[in-house]
Protein backbone atom coordinates (compact mmCIF):
# COMPACT_ATOMS: atom_id res chain seq x y z
CA MET A 1 -0.25 0.24 -0.14
CA ALA A 2 1.23 3.57 -0.85
CA ASN A 3 1.72 5.82 2.14
CA HIS A 4 -0.64 8.74 1.01
CA ASP A 5 -0.95 11.86 3.05
CA GLU A 6 -4.51 11.80 3.75
CA ASP A 7 -4.84 15.18 5.71
CA PHE A 8 -8.88 15.89 4.93
CA LYS A 9 -9.70 19.31 6.39
CA ASP A 10 -13.30 20.58 6.33
CA THR A 11 -13.57 22.94 3.59
CA THR A 12 -17.08 24.53 5.12
CA SER A 13 -16.05 28.31 6.14
CA VAL A 14 -17.86 30.26 8.78
CA LEU A 15 -19.31 32.47 6.14
CA SER A 16 -21.07 29.65 4.54
CA LEU A 17 -22.54 28.08 7.83
CA VAL A 18 -23.85 31.64 9.02
CA THR A 19 -25.37 31.88 5.24
CA ILE A 20 -26.96 28.34 5.78
CA LEU A 21 -28.51 29.66 8.81
CA THR A 22 -29.63 32.78 7.94
CA VAL A 23 -31.44 31.09 4.96
CA LEU A 24 -33.08 28.26 7.07
CA ILE A 25 -34.19 30.94 9.64
CA PHE A 26 -35.58 33.59 7.32
CA MET A 27 -36.98 31.83 4.29
CA PRO A 28 -40.16 30.56 6.30
CA LEU A 29 -40.47 34.20 7.33
CA LEU A 30 -40.08 35.63 3.75
CA PRO A 31 -44.18 35.42 3.10
CA MET A 32 -44.97 37.38 6.32
CA LEU A 33 -42.42 39.84 5.62
CA MET A 34 -43.97 40.15 1.67
CA GLY A 35 -47.50 40.63 3.38
CA TRP A 36 -46.24 43.13 5.38
CA PHE A 37 -44.62 44.87 2.91
CA THR A 38 -48.10 44.47 0.68
CA MET A 39 -50.10 45.94 3.52
CA LEU A 40 -48.03 49.10 4.30
CA ARG A 41 -47.37 50.32 0.50
């Protein structure tokens, strides 16, 4: 067997994690926000 340097690093950056959490939190609230914008126009 060849001696491979298997040094796997996690490529997930903090920015992508924050983006995923923001989308998961705010996407269900988006219809409510659009409704408020429609009501207030």
